[in-house]
Amino acid sequence: IADGGTIFLDEVGELPLAAQSKLLRVLQSQEVQPVGQ
């Protein structure tokens, strides 16, 4: 949804470690893989 714009991750320190690894991939590659796709 934020493609072309900005995403604001408020209280990012609350993310569990499992979600942090997936977020890291997006920041590194700018690629998103929807669940089940």
Full PDB file with SEQRES, HELIX, SHEET, SSBOND, CRYST1, ORIGX, SCALE, CONECT and MASTER records, all heavy atoms in Angstrom:
SEQRES   1 A   37  ILE ALA ASP GLY GLY THR ILE PHE LEU ASP GLU VAL GLY          
SEQRES   2 A   37  GLU LEU PRO LEU ALA ALA GLN SER LYS LEU LEU ARG VAL          
SEQRES   3 A   37  LEU GLN SER GLN GLU VAL GLN PRO VAL GLY GLN                  
HELIX    1 AA1 VAL A   12  GLU A   14  5                                   3    
HELIX    2 AA2 LEU A   17  SER A   29  1                                  13    
CRYST1    1.000    1.000    1.000  90.00  90.00  90.00 P 1           1          
ORIGX1      1.000000  0.000000  0.000000        0.00000                         
ORIGX2      0.000000  1.000000  0.000000        0.00000                         
ORIGX3      0.000000  0.000000  1.000000        0.00000                         
SCALE1      1.000000  0.000000  0.000000        0.00000                         
SCALE2      0.000000  1.000000  0.000000        0.00000                         
SCALE3      0.000000  0.000000  1.000000        0.00000                         
ATOM      1  N   ILE A   1       0.831  -1.207   0.000  1.00  0.00           N  
ATOM      2  CA  ILE A   1       0.000   0.000   0.000  1.00  0.00           C  
ATOM      3  C   ILE A   1       0.862   1.252   0.000  1.00  0.00           C  
ATOM      4  O   ILE A   1       0.524   2.258  -0.630  1.00  0.00           O  
ATOM      5  CB  ILE A   1      -0.933  -0.016   1.227  1.00  0.00           C  
ATOM      6  CG1 ILE A   1      -1.919  -1.185   1.137  1.00  0.00           C  
ATOM      7  CG2 ILE A   1      -1.706   1.292   1.345  1.00  0.00           C  
ATOM      8  CD1 ILE A   1      -2.756  -1.377   2.386  1.00  0.00           C  
ATOM      9  N   ALA A   2       1.998   1.201   0.687  1.00  0.00           N  
ATOM     10  CA  ALA A   2       2.881   2.373   0.803  1.00  0.00           C  
ATOM     11  C   ALA A   2       3.828   2.517  -0.380  1.00  0.00           C  
ATOM     12  O   ALA A   2       4.658   3.428  -0.385  1.00  0.00           O  
ATOM     13  CB  ALA A   2       3.682   2.281   2.095  1.00  0.00           C  
ATOM     14  N   ASP A   3       3.724   1.642  -1.379  1.00  0.00           N  
ATOM     15  CA  ASP A   3       4.634   1.684  -2.525  1.00  0.00           C  
ATOM     16  C   ASP A   3       4.677   3.076  -3.138  1.00  0.00           C  
ATOM     17  O   ASP A   3       3.646   3.661  -3.474  1.00  0.00           O  
ATOM     18  CB  ASP A   3       4.186   0.660  -3.565  1.00  0.00           C  
ATOM     19  CG  ASP A   3       5.194   0.508  -4.688  1.00  0.00           C  
ATOM     20  OD1 ASP A   3       6.376   0.825  -4.479  1.00  0.00           O  
ATOM     21  OD2 ASP A   3       4.790   0.081  -5.793  1.00  0.00           O  
ATOM     22  N   GLY A   4       5.866   3.613  -3.284  1.00  0.00           N  
ATOM     23  CA  GLY A   4       6.039   4.957  -3.808  1.00  0.00           C  
ATOM     24  C   GLY A   4       6.020   6.026  -2.739  1.00  0.00           C  
ATOM     25  O   GLY A   4       6.339   7.181  -2.997  1.00  0.00           O  
ATOM     26  N   GLY A   5       5.646   5.636  -1.522  1.00  0.00           N  
ATOM     27  CA  GLY A   5       5.548   6.601  -0.432  1.00  0.00           C  
ATOM     28  C   GLY A   5       6.407   6.212   0.741  1.00  0.00           C  
ATOM     29  O   GLY A   5       7.539   5.742   0.582  1.00  0.00           O  
ATOM     30  N   THR A   6       5.853   6.384   1.928  1.00  0.00           N  
ATOM     31  CA  THR A   6       6.589   6.167   3.173  1.00  0.00           C  
ATOM     32  C   THR A   6       5.790   5.252   4.084  1.00  0.00           C  
ATOM     33  O   THR A   6       4.569   5.332   4.132  1.00  0.00           O  
ATOM     34  CB  THR A   6       6.829   7.511   3.899  1.00  0.00           C  
ATOM     35  OG1 THR A   6       7.528   8.394   3.024  1.00  0.00           O  
ATOM     36  CG2 THR A   6       7.631   7.319   5.166  1.00  0.00           C  
ATOM     37  N   ILE A   7       6.484   4.374   4.799  1.00  0.00           N  
ATOM     38  CA  ILE A   7       5.843   3.580   5.837  1.00  0.00           C  
ATOM     39  C   ILE A   7       6.434   3.987   7.181  1.00  0.00           C  
ATOM     40  O   ILE A   7       7.660   4.132   7.317  1.00  0.00           O  
ATOM     41  CB  ILE A   7       6.007   2.069   5.577  1.00  0.00           C  
ATOM     42  CG1 ILE A   7       5.075   1.268   6.493  1.00  0.00           C  
ATOM     43  CG2 ILE A   7       7.449   1.619   5.729  1.00  0.00           C  
ATOM     44  CD1 ILE A   7       4.907  -0.181   6.083  1.00  0.00           C  
ATOM     45  N   PHE A   8       5.568   4.240   8.132  1.00  0.00           N  
ATOM     46  CA  PHE A   8       5.998   4.670   9.463  1.00  0.00           C  
ATOM     47  C   PHE A   8       5.757   3.529  10.437  1.00  0.00           C  
ATOM     48  O   PHE A   8       4.621   3.176  10.735  1.00  0.00           O  
ATOM     49  CB  PHE A   8       5.224   5.914   9.892  1.00  0.00           C  
ATOM     50  CG  PHE A   8       5.495   6.347  11.311  1.00  0.00           C  
ATOM     51  CD1 PHE A   8       6.788   6.432  11.787  1.00  0.00           C  
ATOM     52  CD2 PHE A   8       4.443   6.662  12.162  1.00  0.00           C  
ATOM     53  CE1 PHE A   8       7.041   6.825  13.099  1.00  0.00           C  
ATOM     54  CE2 PHE A   8       4.678   7.051  13.474  1.00  0.00           C  
ATOM     55  CZ  PHE A   8       5.986   7.129  13.940  1.00  0.00           C  
ATOM     56  N   LEU A   9       6.841   2.922  10.931  1.00  0.00           N  
ATOM     57  CA  LEU A   9       6.767   1.805  11.863  1.00  0.00           C  
ATOM     58  C   LEU A   9       6.883   2.351  13.277  1.00  0.00           C  
ATOM     59  O   LEU A   9       7.985   2.558  13.797  1.00  0.00           O  
ATOM     60  CB  LEU A   9       7.876   0.797  11.574  1.00  0.00           C  
ATOM     61  CG  LEU A   9       7.898   0.201  10.154  1.00  0.00           C  
ATOM     62  CD1 LEU A   9       9.116  -0.689   9.965  1.00  0.00           C  
ATOM     63  CD2 LEU A   9       6.611  -0.570   9.879  1.00  0.00           C  
ATOM     64  N   ASP A  10       5.742   2.616  13.885  1.00  0.00           N  
ATOM     65  CA  ASP A  10       5.724   3.156  15.242  1.00  0.00           C  
ATOM     66  C   ASP A  10       5.932   2.024  16.245  1.00  0.00           C  
ATOM     67  O   ASP A  10       5.455   0.912  16.041  1.00  0.00           O  
ATOM     68  CB  ASP A  10       4.388   3.852  15.496  1.00  0.00           C  
ATOM     69  CG  ASP A  10       4.433   4.782  16.689  1.00  0.00           C  
ATOM     70  OD1 ASP A  10       5.541   5.023  17.224  1.00  0.00           O  
ATOM     71  OD2 ASP A  10       3.370   5.286  17.084  1.00  0.00           O  
ATOM     72  N   GLU A  11       6.664   2.323  17.316  1.00  0.00           N  
ATOM     73  CA  GLU A  11       6.984   1.338  18.354  1.00  0.00           C  
ATOM     74  C   GLU A  11       7.614   0.083  17.745  1.00  0.00           C  
ATOM     75  O   GLU A  11       7.240  -1.044  18.061  1.00  0.00           O  
ATOM     76  CB  GLU A  11       5.733   0.984  19.161  1.00  0.00           C  
ATOM     77  CG  GLU A  11       5.121   2.181  19.890  1.00  0.00           C  
ATOM     78  CD  GLU A  11       4.026   1.777  20.860  1.00  0.00           C  
ATOM     79  OE1 GLU A  11       4.331   1.022  21.806  1.00  0.00           O  
ATOM     80  OE2 GLU A  11       2.884   2.237  20.661  1.00  0.00           O  
ATOM     81  N   VAL A  12       8.595   0.302  16.886  1.00  0.00           N  
ATOM     82  CA  VAL A  12       9.230  -0.813  16.181  1.00  0.00           C  
ATOM     83  C   VAL A  12       9.949  -1.742  17.152  1.00  0.00           C  
ATOM     84  O   VAL A  12      10.164  -2.926  16.857  1.00  0.00           O  
ATOM     85  CB  VAL A  12      10.204  -0.267  15.106  1.00  0.00           C  
ATOM     86  CG1 VAL A  12      11.430   0.380  15.748  1.00  0.00           C  
ATOM     87  CG2 VAL A  12      10.616  -1.347  14.126  1.00  0.00           C  
ATOM     88  N   GLY A  13      10.333  -1.234  18.307  1.00  0.00           N  
ATOM     89  CA  GLY A  13      11.018  -2.068  19.293  1.00  0.00           C  
ATOM     90  C   GLY A  13      10.147  -3.162  19.864  1.00  0.00           C  
ATOM     91  O   GLY A  13      10.652  -4.076  20.542  1.00  0.00           O  
ATOM     92  N   GLU A  14       8.833  -3.114  19.613  1.00  0.00           N  
ATOM     93  CA  GLU A  14       7.919  -4.125  20.129  1.00  0.00           C  
ATOM     94  C   GLU A  14       7.806  -5.336  19.218  1.00  0.00           C  
ATOM     95  O   GLU A  14       7.157  -6.321  19.570  1.00  0.00           O  
ATOM     96  CB  GLU A  14       6.519  -3.520  20.327  1.00  0.00           C  
ATOM     97  CG  GLU A  14       6.489  -2.242  21.142  1.00  0.00           C  
ATOM     98  CD  GLU A  14       7.031  -2.452  22.551  1.00  0.00           C  
ATOM     99  OE1 GLU A  14       6.767  -3.525  23.131  1.00  0.00           O  
ATOM    100  OE2 GLU A  14       7.717  -1.544  23.054  1.00  0.00           O  
ATOM    101  N   LEU A  15       8.417  -5.291  18.029  1.00  0.00           N  
ATOM    102  CA  LEU A  15       8.314  -6.423  17.108  1.00  0.00           C  
ATOM    103  C   LEU A  15       9.061  -7.633  17.656  1.00  0.00           C  
ATOM    104  O   LEU A  15      10.206  -7.509  18.125  1.00  0.00           O  
ATOM    105  CB  LEU A  15       8.901  -6.048  15.741  1.00  0.00           C  
ATOM    106  CG  LEU A  15       8.066  -5.169  14.821  1.00  0.00           C  
ATOM    107  CD1 LEU A  15       8.864  -4.825  13.574  1.00  0.00           C  
ATOM    108  CD2 LEU A  15       6.753  -5.854  14.447  1.00  0.00           C  
ATOM    109  N   PRO A  16       8.466  -8.824  17.599  1.00  0.00           N  
ATOM    110  CA  PRO A  16       9.190 -10.029  18.019  1.00  0.00           C  
ATOM    111  C   PRO A  16      10.318 -10.347  17.046  1.00  0.00           C  
ATOM    112  O   PRO A  16      10.317  -9.894  15.891  1.00  0.00           O  
ATOM    113  CB  PRO A  16       8.109 -11.111  18.002  1.00  0.00           C  
ATOM    114  CG  PRO A  16       7.052 -10.598  17.082  1.00  0.00           C  
ATOM    115  CD  PRO A  16       7.085  -9.107  17.200  1.00  0.00           C  
ATOM    116  N   LEU A  17      11.259 -11.147  17.494  1.00  0.00           N  
ATOM    117  CA  LEU A  17      12.450 -11.437  16.684  1.00  0.00           C  
ATOM    118  C   LEU A  17      12.090 -12.089  15.351  1.00  0.00           C  
ATOM    119  O   LEU A  17      12.723 -11.808  14.333  1.00  0.00           O  
ATOM    120  CB  LEU A  17      13.403 -12.340  17.474  1.00  0.00           C  
ATOM    121  CG  LEU A  17      14.146 -11.655  18.629  1.00  0.00           C  
ATOM    122  CD1 LEU A  17      14.862 -12.686  19.486  1.00  0.00           C  
ATOM    123  CD2 LEU A  17      15.137 -10.629  18.089  1.00  0.00           C  
ATOM    124  N   ALA A  18      11.079 -12.956  15.330  1.00  0.00           N  
ATOM    125  CA  ALA A  18      10.704 -13.630  14.080  1.00  0.00           C  
ATOM    126  C   ALA A  18      10.260 -12.623  13.030  1.00  0.00           C  
ATOM    127  O   ALA A  18      10.597 -12.742  11.844  1.00  0.00           O  
ATOM    128  CB  ALA A  18       9.593 -14.644  14.346  1.00  0.00           C  
ATOM    129  N   ALA A  19       9.491 -11.621  13.442  1.00  0.00           N  
ATOM    130  CA  ALA A  19       9.038 -10.600  12.503  1.00  0.00           C  
ATOM    131  C   ALA A  19      10.184  -9.689  12.092  1.00  0.00           C  
ATOM    132  O   ALA A  19      10.206  -9.169  10.970  1.00  0.00           O  
ATOM    133  CB  ALA A  19       7.912  -9.787  13.129  1.00  0.00           C  
ATOM    134  N   GLN A  20      11.134  -9.487  12.975  1.00  0.00           N  
ATOM    135  CA  GLN A  20      12.273  -8.617  12.650  1.00  0.00           C  
ATOM    136  C   GLN A  20      13.077  -9.165  11.483  1.00  0.00           C  
ATOM    137  O   GLN A  20      13.543  -8.404  10.623  1.00  0.00           O  
ATOM    138  CB  GLN A  20      13.163  -8.473  13.883  1.00  0.00           C  
ATOM    139  CG  GLN A  20      12.547  -7.690  15.024  1.00  0.00           C  
ATOM    140  CD  GLN A  20      13.454  -7.638  16.240  1.00  0.00           C  
ATOM    141  OE1 GLN A  20      14.678  -7.732  16.124  1.00  0.00           O  
ATOM    142  NE2 GLN A  20      12.843  -7.512  17.422  1.00  0.00           N  
ATOM    143  N   SER A  21      13.248 -10.468  11.422  1.00  0.00           N  
ATOM    144  CA  SER A  21      14.026 -11.067  10.330  1.00  0.00           C  
ATOM    145  C   SER A  21      13.335 -10.863   8.991  1.00  0.00           C  
ATOM    146  O   SER A  21      13.991 -10.623   7.964  1.00  0.00           O  
ATOM    147  CB  SER A  21      14.244 -12.557  10.596  1.00  0.00           C  
ATOM    148  OG  SER A  21      12.995 -13.242  10.642  1.00  0.00           O  
ATOM    149  N   LYS A  22      12.007 -10.952   8.982  1.00  0.00           N  
ATOM    150  CA  LYS A  22      11.264 -10.741   7.731  1.00  0.00           C  
ATOM    151  C   LYS A  22      11.296  -9.275   7.322  1.00  0.00           C  
ATOM    152  O   LYS A  22      11.352  -8.954   6.133  1.00  0.00           O  
ATOM    153  CB  LYS A  22       9.826 -11.236   7.894  1.00  0.00           C  
ATOM    154  CG  LYS A  22       9.709 -12.749   8.092  1.00  0.00           C  
ATOM    155  CD  LYS A  22       8.277 -13.179   8.236  1.00  0.00           C  
ATOM    156  CE  LYS A  22       8.157 -14.700   8.273  1.00  0.00           C  
ATOM    157  NZ  LYS A  22       8.822 -15.285   9.455  1.00  0.00           N  
ATOM    158  N   LEU A  23      11.237  -8.396   8.293  1.00  0.00           N  
ATOM    159  CA  LEU A  23      11.327  -6.967   7.997  1.00  0.00           C  
ATOM    160  C   LEU A  23      12.694  -6.622   7.433  1.00  0.00           C  
ATOM    161  O   LEU A  23      12.810  -5.799   6.516  1.00  0.00           O  
ATOM    162  CB  LEU A  23      11.048  -6.155   9.262  1.00  0.00           C  
ATOM    163  CG  LEU A  23      11.164  -4.637   9.145  1.00  0.00           C  
ATOM    164  CD1 LEU A  23      10.199  -4.086   8.100  1.00  0.00           C  
ATOM    165  CD2 LEU A  23      10.903  -3.976  10.498  1.00  0.00           C  
ATOM    166  N   LEU A  24      13.722  -7.259   7.943  1.00  0.00           N  
ATOM    167  CA  LEU A  24      15.080  -7.006   7.460  1.00  0.00           C  
ATOM    168  C   LEU A  24      15.202  -7.316   5.979  1.00  0.00           C  
ATOM    169  O   LEU A  24      15.828  -6.568   5.221  1.00  0.00           O  
ATOM    170  CB  LEU A  24      16.076  -7.847   8.263  1.00  0.00           C  
ATOM    171  CG  LEU A  24      17.538  -7.766   7.817  1.00  0.00           C  
ATOM    172  CD1 LEU A  24      18.074  -6.363   8.018  1.00  0.00           C  
ATOM    173  CD2 LEU A  24      18.384  -8.779   8.586  1.00  0.00           C  
ATOM    174  N   ARG A  25      14.577  -8.400   5.530  1.00  0.00           N  
ATOM    175  CA  ARG A  25      14.647  -8.776   4.116  1.00  0.00           C  
ATOM    176  C   ARG A  25      14.056  -7.692   3.221  1.00  0.00           C  
ATOM    177  O   ARG A  25      14.603  -7.379   2.165  1.00  0.00           O  
ATOM    178  CB  ARG A  25      13.916 -10.104   3.901  1.00  0.00           C  
ATOM    179  CG  ARG A  25      13.861 -10.503   2.433  1.00  0.00           C  
ATOM    180  CD  ARG A  25      13.024 -11.749   2.223  1.00  0.00           C  
ATOM    181  NE  ARG A  25      12.869 -12.034   0.812  1.00  0.00           N  
ATOM    182  CZ  ARG A  25      12.141 -13.032   0.330  1.00  0.00           C  
ATOM    183  NH1 ARG A  25      11.517 -13.841   1.168  1.00  0.00           N  
ATOM    184  NH2 ARG A  25      12.039 -13.229  -0.970  1.00  0.00           N  
ATOM    185  N   VAL A  26      12.946  -7.119   3.669  1.00  0.00           N  
ATOM    186  CA  VAL A  26      12.315  -6.064   2.875  1.00  0.00           C  
ATOM    187  C   VAL A  26      13.230  -4.854   2.781  1.00  0.00           C  
ATOM    188  O   VAL A  26      13.375  -4.237   1.718  1.00  0.00           O  
ATOM    189  CB  VAL A  26      10.960  -5.666   3.499  1.00  0.00           C  
ATOM    190  CG1 VAL A  26      10.325  -4.534   2.713  1.00  0.00           C  
ATOM    191  CG2 VAL A  26      10.025  -6.861   3.539  1.00  0.00           C  
ATOM    192  N   LEU A  27      13.856  -4.491   3.893  1.00  0.00           N  
ATOM    193  CA  LEU A  27      14.740  -3.328   3.884  1.00  0.00           C  
ATOM    194  C   LEU A  27      15.966  -3.570   3.013  1.00  0.00           C  
ATOM    195  O   LEU A  27      16.489  -2.645   2.388  1.00  0.00           O  
ATOM    196  CB  LEU A  27      15.170  -2.992   5.313  1.00  0.00           C  
ATOM    197  CG  LEU A  27      14.052  -2.568   6.277  1.00  0.00           C  
ATOM    198  CD1 LEU A  27      14.615  -2.243   7.641  1.00  0.00           C  
ATOM    199  CD2 LEU A  27      13.290  -1.382   5.730  1.00  0.00           C  
ATOM    200  N   GLN A  28      16.425  -4.798   2.970  1.00  0.00           N  
ATOM    201  CA  GLN A  28      17.619  -5.114   2.186  1.00  0.00           C  
ATOM    202  C   GLN A  28      17.343  -5.163   0.691  1.00  0.00           C  
ATOM    203  O   GLN A  28      18.111  -4.640  -0.116  1.00  0.00           O  
ATOM    204  CB  GLN A  28      18.201  -6.459   2.640  1.00  0.00           C  
ATOM    205  CG  GLN A  28      18.847  -6.421   4.018  1.00  0.00           C  
ATOM    206  CD  GLN A  28      19.266  -7.801   4.490  1.00  0.00           C  
ATOM    207  OE1 GLN A  28      18.686  -8.815   4.087  1.00  0.00           O  
ATOM    208  NE2 GLN A  28      20.281  -7.853   5.342  1.00  0.00           N  
ATOM    209  N   SER A  29      16.221  -5.776   0.310  1.00  0.00           N  
ATOM    210  CA  SER A  29      15.957  -6.043  -1.104  1.00  0.00           C  
ATOM    211  C   SER A  29      14.822  -5.234  -1.700  1.00  0.00           C  
ATOM    212  O   SER A  29      14.646  -5.233  -2.920  1.00  0.00           O  
ATOM    213  CB  SER A  29      15.648  -7.529  -1.297  1.00  0.00           C  
ATOM    214  OG  SER A  29      14.445  -7.875  -0.608  1.00  0.00           O  
ATOM    215  N   GLN A  30      14.037  -4.541  -0.828  1.00  0.00           N  
ATOM    216  CA  GLN A  30      12.832  -3.850  -1.286  1.00  0.00           C  
ATOM    217  C   GLN A  30      11.890  -4.812  -2.010  1.00  0.00           C  
ATOM    218  O   GLN A  30      11.218  -4.458  -2.975  1.00  0.00           O  
ATOM    219  CB  GLN A  30      13.177  -2.670  -2.192  1.00  0.00           C  
ATOM    220  CG  GLN A  30      13.830  -1.502  -1.484  1.00  0.00           C  
ATOM    221  CD  GLN A  30      12.819  -0.621  -0.751  1.00  0.00           C  
ATOM    222  OE1 GLN A  30      12.008   0.071  -1.356  1.00  0.00           O  
ATOM    223  NE2 GLN A  30      12.879  -0.640   0.579  1.00  0.00           N  
ATOM    224  N   GLU A  31      11.863  -6.047  -1.519  1.00  0.00           N  
ATOM    225  CA  GLU A  31      10.978  -7.064  -2.072  1.00  0.00           C  
ATOM    226  C   GLU A  31      10.092  -7.621  -0.968  1.00  0.00           C  
ATOM    227  O   GLU A  31      10.552  -7.904   0.140  1.00  0.00           O  
ATOM    228  CB  GLU A  31      11.775  -8.200  -2.712  1.00  0.00           C  
ATOM    229  CG  GLU A  31      12.499  -7.799  -3.986  1.00  0.00           C  
ATOM    230  CD  GLU A  31      13.256  -8.952  -4.602  1.00  0.00           C  
ATOM    231  OE1 GLU A  31      13.495  -9.964  -3.895  1.00  0.00           O  
ATOM    232  OE2 GLU A  31      13.627  -8.855  -5.788  1.00  0.00           O  
ATOM    233  N   VAL A  32       8.812  -7.790  -1.297  1.00  0.00           N  
ATOM    234  CA  VAL A  32       7.820  -8.277  -0.347  1.00  0.00           C  
ATOM    235  C   VAL A  32       7.252  -9.590  -0.874  1.00  0.00           C  
ATOM    236  O   VAL A  32       6.947  -9.714  -2.060  1.00  0.00           O  
ATOM    237  CB  VAL A  32       6.681  -7.245  -0.164  1.00  0.00           C  
ATOM    238  CG1 VAL A  32       5.564  -7.828   0.681  1.00  0.00           C  
ATOM    239  CG2 VAL A  32       7.213  -5.972   0.459  1.00  0.00           C  
ATOM    240  N   GLN A  33       7.117 -10.558   0.005  1.00  0.00           N  
ATOM    241  CA  GLN A  33       6.504 -11.835  -0.381  1.00  0.00           C  
ATOM    242  C   GLN A  33       5.271 -12.065   0.481  1.00  0.00           C  
ATOM    243  O   GLN A  33       5.368 -12.390   1.661  1.00  0.00           O  
ATOM    244  CB  GLN A  33       7.479 -12.999  -0.198  1.00  0.00           C  
ATOM    245  CG  GLN A  33       6.913 -14.312  -0.729  1.00  0.00           C  
ATOM    246  CD  GLN A  33       7.950 -15.409  -0.741  1.00  0.00           C  
ATOM    247  OE1 GLN A  33       8.976 -15.318  -0.072  1.00  0.00           O  
ATOM    248  NE2 GLN A  33       7.692 -16.458  -1.514  1.00  0.00           N  
ATOM    249  N   PRO A  34       4.077 -11.870  -0.095  1.00  0.00           N  
ATOM    250  CA  PRO A  34       2.844 -12.105   0.671  1.00  0.00           C  
ATOM    251  C   PRO A  34       2.768 -13.542   1.163  1.00  0.00           C  
ATOM    252  O   PRO A  34       3.296 -14.461   0.531  1.00  0.00           O  
ATOM    253  CB  PRO A  34       1.734 -11.796  -0.340  1.00  0.00           C  
ATOM    254  CG  PRO A  34       2.384 -10.914  -1.364  1.00  0.00           C  
ATOM    255  CD  PRO A  34       3.803 -11.392  -1.451  1.00  0.00           C  
ATOM    256  N   VAL A  35       2.113 -13.739   2.272  1.00  0.00           N  
ATOM    257  CA  VAL A  35       1.936 -15.077   2.840  1.00  0.00           C  
ATOM    258  C   VAL A  35       1.158 -15.947   1.853  1.00  0.00           C  
ATOM    259  O   VAL A  35       0.097 -15.562   1.374  1.00  0.00           O  
ATOM    260  CB  VAL A  35       1.185 -15.001   4.186  1.00  0.00           C  
ATOM    261  CG1 VAL A  35       1.001 -16.395   4.768  1.00  0.00           C  
ATOM    262  CG2 VAL A  35       1.931 -14.113   5.162  1.00  0.00           C  
ATOM    263  N   GLY A  36       1.707 -17.121   1.537  1.00  0.00           N  
ATOM    264  CA  GLY A  36       1.041 -18.053   0.629  1.00  0.00           C  
ATOM    265  C   GLY A  36       1.321 -17.799  -0.841  1.00  0.00           C  
ATOM    266  O   GLY A  36       0.747 -18.466  -1.697  1.00  0.00           O  
ATOM    267  N   GLN A  37       2.195 -16.855  -1.150  1.00  0.00           N  
ATOM    268  CA  GLN A  37       2.492 -16.548  -2.560  1.00  0.00           C  
ATOM    269  C   GLN A  37       3.968 -16.800  -2.827  1.00  0.00           C  
ATOM    270  O   GLN A  37       4.835 -16.409  -2.030  1.00  0.00           O  
ATOM    271  CB  GLN A  37       2.144 -15.084  -2.856  1.00  0.00           C  
ATOM    272  CG  GLN A  37       2.439 -14.650  -4.291  1.00  0.00           C  
ATOM    273  CD  GLN A  37       1.924 -13.250  -4.579  1.00  0.00           C  
ATOM    274  OE1 GLN A  37       0.751 -12.960  -4.368  1.00  0.00           O  
ATOM    275  NE2 GLN A  37       2.794 -12.382  -5.055  1.00  0.00           N  
TER     276      GLN A  37                                                      
MASTER        0    0    0    2    0    0    0    6  275    1    0    3          
END                                                                             
